C-alpha atoms as a PDB file:
ATOM      1  CA  UNK A   1      -0.098  -0.040   0.029  1.00  0.00           C
ATOM      2  CA  UNK A   2       1.253   3.526  -0.936  1.00  0.00           C
ATOM      3  CA  UNK A   3       2.227   5.790   1.768  1.00  0.00           C
ATOM      4  CA  UNK A   4      -0.279   8.825   1.725  1.00  0.00           C
ATOM      5  CA  UNK A   5       1.738  12.195   1.534  1.00  0.00           C
ATOM      6  CA  UNK A   6       0.521  15.038   3.615  1.00  0.00           C
ATOM      7  CA  UNK A   7      -1.133  17.733   1.539  1.00  0.00           C
ATOM      8  CA  UNK A   8       0.481  21.212   1.797  1.00  0.00           C
ATOM      9  CA  UNK A   9      -1.383  23.551   4.031  1.00  0.00           C
ATOM     10  CA  UNK A  10      -3.674  26.070   2.521  1.00  0.00           C
ATOM     11  CA  UNK A  11      -2.322  29.637   2.714  1.00  0.00           C
ATOM     12  CA  UNK A  12      -4.838  30.588   5.638  1.00  0.00           C
ATOM     13  CA  UNK A  13      -3.974  27.418   7.387  1.00  0.00           C
ATOM     14  CA  UNK A  14      -0.312  28.150   7.090  1.00  0.00           C
ATOM     15  CA  UNK A  15      -0.734  31.771   8.241  1.00  0.00           C
ATOM     16  CA  UNK A  16      -2.720  30.386  11.351  1.00  0.00           C
ATOM     17  CA  UNK A  17       0.046  28.053  12.096  1.00  0.00           C
ATOM     18  CA  UNK A  18       2.676  30.642  11.792  1.00  0.00           C
ATOM     19  CA  UNK A  19       0.817  32.946  13.931  1.00  0.00           C
ATOM     20  CA  UNK A  20       0.257  30.361  16.637  1.00  0.00           C
ATOM     21  CA  UNK A  21       4.245  29.683  16.666  1.00  0.00           C
ATOM     22  CA  UNK A  22       4.947  33.386  16.761  1.00  0.00           C
ATOM     23  CA  UNK A  23       2.558  34.138  19.722  1.00  0.00           C
ATOM     24  CA  UNK A  24       3.608  30.904  21.545  1.00  0.00           C
ATOM     25  CA  UNK A  25       7.199  31.886  21.255  1.00  0.00           C
ATOM     26  CA  UNK A  26       6.692  35.256  22.920  1.00  0.00           C
ATOM     27  CA  UNK A  27       4.241  33.847  25.615  1.00  0.00           C
ATOM     28  CA  UNK A  28       6.302  30.739  26.527  1.00  0.00           C
ATOM     29  CA  UNK A  29       9.439  32.707  26.626  1.00  0.00           C
ATOM     30  CA  UNK A  30       7.782  35.040  29.035  1.00  0.00           C
ATOM     31  CA  UNK A  31       6.203  32.216  31.157  1.00  0.00           C
ATOM     32  CA  UNK A  32       6.631  28.560  30.472  1.00  0.00           C
ATOM     33  CA  UNK A  33       3.298  27.831  32.112  1.00  0.00           C
ATOM     34  CA  UNK A  34       1.186  30.000  29.821  1.00  0.00           C
ATOM     35  CA  UNK A  35      -2.133  28.216  29.185  1.00  0.00           C
ATOM     36  CA  UNK A  36      -2.578  26.840  25.675  1.00  0.00           C
ATOM     37  CA  UNK A  37      -5.991  28.363  25.571  1.00  0.00           C
ATOM     38  CA  UNK A  38      -4.261  31.933  26.278  1.00  0.00           C
ATOM     39  CA  UNK A  39      -1.974  31.297  23.221  1.00  0.00           C
ATOM     40  CA  UNK A  40      -4.828  30.333  20.987  1.00  0.00           C
ATOM     41  CA  UNK A  41      -6.731  33.384  22.059  1.00  0.00           C
ATOM     42  CA  UNK A  42      -3.759  35.766  21.424  1.00  0.00           C
ATOM     43  CA  UNK A  43      -3.213  34.167  18.083  1.00  0.00           C
ATOM     44  CA  UNK A  44      -6.712  34.771  17.152  1.00  0.00           C
ATOM     45  CA  UNK A  45      -7.549  31.222  16.511  1.00  0.00           C
ATOM     46  CA  UNK A  46     -10.110  28.888  17.775  1.00  0.00           C
ATOM     47  CA  UNK A  47      -9.339  25.856  19.971  1.00  0.00           C
ATOM     48  CA  UNK A  48     -10.093  23.384  17.104  1.00  0.00           C
ATOM     49  CA  UNK A  49      -7.556  25.281  14.876  1.00  0.00           C
ATOM     50  CA  UNK A  50      -5.084  25.347  17.384  1.00  0.00           C
ATOM     51  CA  UNK A  51      -5.344  21.698  18.435  1.00  0.00           C
ATOM     52  CA  UNK A  52      -5.337  20.509  14.805  1.00  0.00           C
ATOM     53  CA  UNK A  53      -1.999  22.024  14.540  1.00  0.00           C
ATOM     54  CA  UNK A  54      -0.565  21.314  17.911  1.00  0.00           C
ATOM     55  CA  UNK A  55      -2.457  18.447  19.536  1.00  0.00           C
ATOM     56  CA  UNK A  56      -0.539  18.861  22.920  1.00  0.00           C
ATOM     57  CA  UNK A  57       1.927  21.395  24.753  1.00  0.00           C
ATOM     58  CA  UNK A  58       4.756  18.984  23.840  1.00  0.00           C
ATOM     59  CA  UNK A  59       4.201  19.429  20.128  1.00  0.00           C
ATOM     60  CA  UNK A  60       3.959  23.056  20.341  1.00  0.00           C
ATOM     61  CA  UNK A  61       7.132  23.576  22.459  1.00  0.00           C
ATOM     62  CA  UNK A  62       9.203  21.176  20.292  1.00  0.00           C
ATOM     63  CA  UNK A  63       8.082  22.876  17.060  1.00  0.00           C
ATOM     64  CA  UNK A  64       8.952  26.202  18.356  1.00  0.00           C
ATOM     65  CA  UNK A  65      12.454  25.007  19.486  1.00  0.00           C
ATOM     66  CA  UNK A  66      13.071  23.269  16.096  1.00  0.00           C
ATOM     67  CA  UNK A  67      12.095  26.487  14.212  1.00  0.00           C
ATOM     68  CA  UNK A  68      14.132  28.783  16.381  1.00  0.00           C
ATOM     69  CA  UNK A  69      17.310  26.501  16.411  1.00  0.00           C
ATOM     70  CA  UNK A  70      17.036  26.076  12.565  1.00  0.00           C
ATOM     71  CA  UNK A  71      16.999  29.806  12.116  1.00  0.00           C
ATOM     72  CA  UNK A  72      20.189  30.158  14.333  1.00  0.00           C
ATOM     73  CA  UNK A  73      21.814  27.325  12.363  1.00  0.00           C
ATOM     74  CA  UNK A  74      20.795  28.764   8.908  1.00  0.00           C
ATOM     75  CA  UNK A  75      22.523  32.034   9.849  1.00  0.00           C
ATOM     76  CA  UNK A  76      25.897  30.290   9.912  1.00  0.00           C
ATOM     77  CA  UNK A  77      25.797  29.911   6.010  1.00  0.00           C
ATOM     78  CA  UNK A  78      24.355  33.342   5.502  1.00  0.00           C
ATOM     79  CA  UNK A  79      27.234  34.963   7.500  1.00  0.00           C
ATOM     80  CA  UNK A  80      29.752  32.991   5.482  1.00  0.00           C
ATOM     81  CA  UNK A  81      28.453  34.433   2.204  1.00  0.00           C
ATOM     82  CA  UNK A  82      29.415  38.027   3.310  1.00  0.00           C
ATOM     83  CA  UNK A  83      32.163  37.692   5.978  1.00  0.00           C
ATOM     84  CA  UNK A  84      35.478  36.064   6.429  1.00  0.00           C
ATOM     85  CA  UNK A  85      35.005  32.681   8.125  1.00  0.00           C
ATOM     86  CA  UNK A  86      36.484  33.894  11.617  1.00  0.00           C
ATOM     87  CA  UNK A  87      34.262  37.026  11.587  1.00  0.00           C
ATOM     88  CA  UNK A  88      31.344  34.984  10.468  1.00  0.00           C
ATOM     89  CA  UNK A  89      31.988  32.450  13.258  1.00  0.00           C
ATOM     90  CA  UNK A  90      32.057  35.340  15.950  1.00  0.00           C
ATOM     91  CA  UNK A  91      28.990  36.875  14.816  1.00  0.00           C
ATOM     92  CA  UNK A  92      27.229  33.648  14.648  1.00  0.00           C
ATOM     93  CA  UNK A  93      28.318  32.970  18.256  1.00  0.00           C
ATOM     94  CA  UNK A  94      26.586  36.274  19.169  1.00  0.00           C
ATOM     95  CA  UNK A  95      23.429  35.067  17.376  1.00  0.00           C
ATOM     96  CA  UNK A  96      23.556  31.655  19.344  1.00  0.00           C
ATOM     97  CA  UNK A  97      24.118  33.602  22.619  1.00  0.00           C
ATOM     98  CA  UNK A  98      21.166  35.860  21.997  1.00  0.00           C
ATOM     99  CA  UNK A  99      18.903  32.718  21.293  1.00  0.00           C
ATOM    100  CA  UNK A 100      20.088  30.976  24.416  1.00  0.00           C
ATOM    101  CA  UNK A 101      19.870  34.002  26.673  1.00  0.00           C
ATOM    102  CA  UNK A 102      16.623  35.416  25.608  1.00  0.00           C
ATOM    103  CA  UNK A 103      14.687  32.273  25.379  1.00  0.00           C
ATOM    104  CA  UNK A 104      15.275  31.127  29.010  1.00  0.00           C
ATOM    105  CA  UNK A 105      11.378  30.763  29.431  1.00  0.00           C
ATOM    106  CA  UNK A 106      11.257  28.602  26.410  1.00  0.00           C
ATOM    107  CA  UNK A 107      14.155  26.582  27.802  1.00  0.00           C
ATOM    108  CA  UNK A 108      11.911  26.153  30.846  1.00  0.00           C
ATOM    109  CA  UNK A 109       8.998  24.938  28.720  1.00  0.00           C
ATOM    110  CA  UNK A 110      11.411  22.529  26.876  1.00  0.00           C
ATOM    111  CA  UNK A 111      12.638  20.817  30.131  1.00  0.00           C
ATOM    112  CA  UNK A 112       8.820  20.634  31.441  1.00  0.00           C
ATOM    113  CA  UNK A 113       7.858  18.769  28.266  1.00  0.00           C
ATOM    114  CA  UNK A 114      10.933  16.648  28.019  1.00  0.00           C
ATOM    115  CA  UNK A 115      11.143  15.741  31.740  1.00  0.00           C
ATOM    116  CA  UNK A 116       7.631  14.639  32.070  1.00  0.00           C
ATOM    117  CA  UNK A 117       6.962  10.816  32.509  1.00  0.00           C
ATOM    118  CA  UNK A 118       6.667   9.212  29.053  1.00  0.00           C
ATOM    119  CA  UNK A 119       7.860  12.461  27.262  1.00  0.00           C
ATOM    120  CA  UNK A 120       9.470  12.581  23.936  1.00  0.00           C
ATOM    121  CA  UNK A 121      13.302  12.641  23.771  1.00  0.00           C
ATOM    122  CA  UNK A 122      15.053  15.962  24.375  1.00  0.00           C
ATOM    123  CA  UNK A 123      15.478  18.011  21.115  1.00  0.00           C
ATOM    124  CA  UNK A 124      18.684  17.376  19.238  1.00  0.00           C
ATOM    125  CA  UNK A 125      21.184  20.197  18.761  1.00  0.00           C
ATOM    126  CA  UNK A 126      22.180  18.663  15.306  1.00  0.00           C
ATOM    127  CA  UNK A 127      21.498  21.933  13.340  1.00  0.00           C
ATOM    128  CA  UNK A 128      23.879  23.969  15.711  1.00  0.00           C
ATOM    129  CA  UNK A 129      26.495  21.349  15.562  1.00  0.00           C
ATOM    130  CA  UNK A 130      26.234  21.069  11.681  1.00  0.00           C
ATOM    131  CA  UNK A 131      26.475  24.900  11.539  1.00  0.00           C
ATOM    132  CA  UNK A 132      29.567  25.040  13.778  1.00  0.00           C
ATOM    133  CA  UNK A 133      31.195  22.486  11.696  1.00  0.00           C
ATOM    134  CA  UNK A 134      30.495  24.357   8.478  1.00  0.00           C
ATOM    135  CA  UNK A 135      31.924  27.587   9.906  1.00  0.00           C
ATOM    136  CA  UNK A 136      34.967  25.946  11.489  1.00  0.00           C
ATOM    137  CA  UNK A 137      35.848  23.992   8.261  1.00  0.00           C
ATOM    138  CA  UNK A 138      35.512  27.357   6.265  1.00  0.00           C
ATOM    139  CA  UNK A 139      37.777  28.919   8.830  1.00  0.00           C
ATOM    140  CA  UNK A 140      40.319  26.037   8.707  1.00  0.00           C
ATOM    141  CA  UNK A 141      40.283  26.357   4.941  1.00  0.00           C
ATOM    142  CA  UNK A 142      40.916  30.069   5.024  1.00  0.00           C
ATOM    143  CA  UNK A 143      43.620  29.762   7.447  1.00  0.00           C
ATOM    144  CA  UNK A 144      41.794  31.887  10.228  1.00  0.00           C
ATOM    145  CA  UNK A 145      40.856  29.024  12.405  1.00  0.00           C
ATOM    146  CA  UNK A 146      43.332  26.504  13.882  1.00  0.00           C
ATOM    147  CA  UNK A 147      43.037  23.078  12.274  1.00  0.00           C
ATOM    148  CA  UNK A 148      41.415  20.166  13.906  1.00  0.00           C
ATOM    149  CA  UNK A 149      38.879  21.813  16.201  1.00  0.00           C
ATOM    150  CA  UNK A 150      35.710  19.812  16.092  1.00  0.00           C
ATOM    151  CA  UNK A 151      32.274  21.127  16.371  1.00  0.00           C
ATOM    152  CA  UNK A 152      31.903  19.176  19.738  1.00  0.00           C
ATOM    153  CA  UNK A 153      35.134  20.840  20.873  1.00  0.00           C
ATOM    154  CA  UNK A 154      33.629  24.264  19.934  1.00  0.00           C
ATOM    155  CA  UNK A 155      30.319  23.562  21.590  1.00  0.00           C
ATOM    156  CA  UNK A 156      32.148  22.520  24.856  1.00  0.00           C
ATOM    157  CA  UNK A 157      34.204  25.733  24.794  1.00  0.00           C
ATOM    158  CA  UNK A 158      31.219  28.088  24.519  1.00  0.00           C
ATOM    159  CA  UNK A 159      28.937  26.256  26.901  1.00  0.00           C
ATOM    160  CA  UNK A 160      30.160  28.501  29.600  1.00  0.00           C
ATOM    161  CA  UNK A 161      27.648  30.937  28.404  1.00  0.00           C
ATOM    162  CA  UNK A 162      24.994  28.671  30.008  1.00  0.00           C
ATOM    163  CA  UNK A 163      26.385  29.537  33.406  1.00  0.00           C
ATOM    164  CA  UNK A 164      25.792  33.114  32.932  1.00  0.00           C
ATOM    165  CA  UNK A 165      22.633  34.714  34.557  1.00  0.00           C
ATOM    166  CA  UNK A 166      20.477  35.691  31.582  1.00  0.00           C
ATOM    167  CA  UNK A 167      18.740  38.247  33.739  1.00  0.00           C
ATOM    168  CA  UNK A 168      21.968  40.209  34.436  1.00  0.00           C
ATOM    169  CA  UNK A 169      24.502  41.907  32.213  1.00  0.00           C
ATOM    170  CA  UNK A 170      24.969  38.676  30.207  1.00  0.00           C
ATOM    171  CA  UNK A 171      26.088  40.475  26.902  1.00  0.00           C
ATOM    172  CA  UNK A 172      29.100  41.914  28.143  1.00  0.00           C
ATOM    173  CA  UNK A 173      30.257  38.687  29.915  1.00  0.00           C
ATOM    174  CA  UNK A 174      29.399  36.558  26.912  1.00  0.00           C
ATOM    175  CA  UNK A 175      31.162  38.828  24.740  1.00  0.00           C
ATOM    176  CA  UNK A 176      34.391  38.540  26.886  1.00  0.00           C
ATOM    177  CA  UNK A 177      33.998  34.663  27.061  1.00  0.00           C
ATOM    178  CA  UNK A 178      33.492  34.435  23.351  1.00  0.00           C
ATOM    179  CA  UNK A 179      36.528  36.754  22.530  1.00  0.00           C
ATOM    180  CA  UNK A 180      38.722  34.339  24.594  1.00  0.00           C
ATOM    181  CA  UNK A 181      37.410  31.402  22.795  1.00  0.00           C
ATOM    182  CA  UNK A 182      38.063  33.299  19.319  1.00  0.00           C
ATOM    183  CA  UNK A 183      41.653  34.039  20.619  1.00  0.00           C
ATOM    184  CA  UNK A 184      42.142  30.186  21.004  1.00  0.00           C
ATOM    185  CA  UNK A 185      40.600  29.454  17.721  1.00  0.00           C
ATOM    186  CA  UNK A 186      42.727  31.819  15.779  1.00  0.00           C
ATOM    187  CA  UNK A 187      45.998  30.708  17.642  1.00  0.00           C
ATOM    188  CA  UNK A 188      47.959  28.347  15.375  1.00  0.00           C
ATOM    189  CA  UNK A 189      45.906  29.190  12.255  1.00  0.00           C
ATOM    190  CA  UNK A 190      48.050  29.074   9.330  1.00  0.00           C
ATOM    191  CA  UNK A 191      47.040  32.126   7.524  1.00  0.00           C
ATOM    192  CA  UNK A 192      46.291  34.277  10.470  1.00  0.00           C
ATOM    193  CA  UNK A 193      46.053  37.920   9.595  1.00  0.00           C
ATOM    194  CA  UNK A 194      47.029  40.566  11.994  1.00  0.00           C
ATOM    195  CA  UNK A 195      44.197  42.391  13.670  1.00  0.00           C
END
């Protein structure tokens, strides 16, 4: 028996879905416990429309996460089109930090839905790891990033940002941390240009 393909959403249905995601991102970032009914109301859709798109909180939260993390990951390739690889990497790190620090409520919502009994697996960070790998390899090829640094090494090196209070002066602290990481990534690069 042939597998039935999902039909593309009508334009109004797609707009409803996008509006739900947009409102949910704002509301769940503000408060992880925001009721789904409040999200539907603010999105201007009925309960039936809401639950057709997102049958439960877990589906909504994980879709928001997937969408947001994919945007951060996609930014890496976009930056490489207009900047030297080491500059693209540094700007991408800032984008990643803004995502991590400003989406604290979303992180709480993700923890709630993935830590519940019988919950789905935690979302993967594959898009971020792939984006890091893309920029690191471009930097290595251009001689602006030391050879041999893996995406896993990089993620571990920047993970200190998750120890910083997102409600304080996180931008200055993250910038200092990332500048240190960049100094380490540039050290030993074959074609390092003087700053």
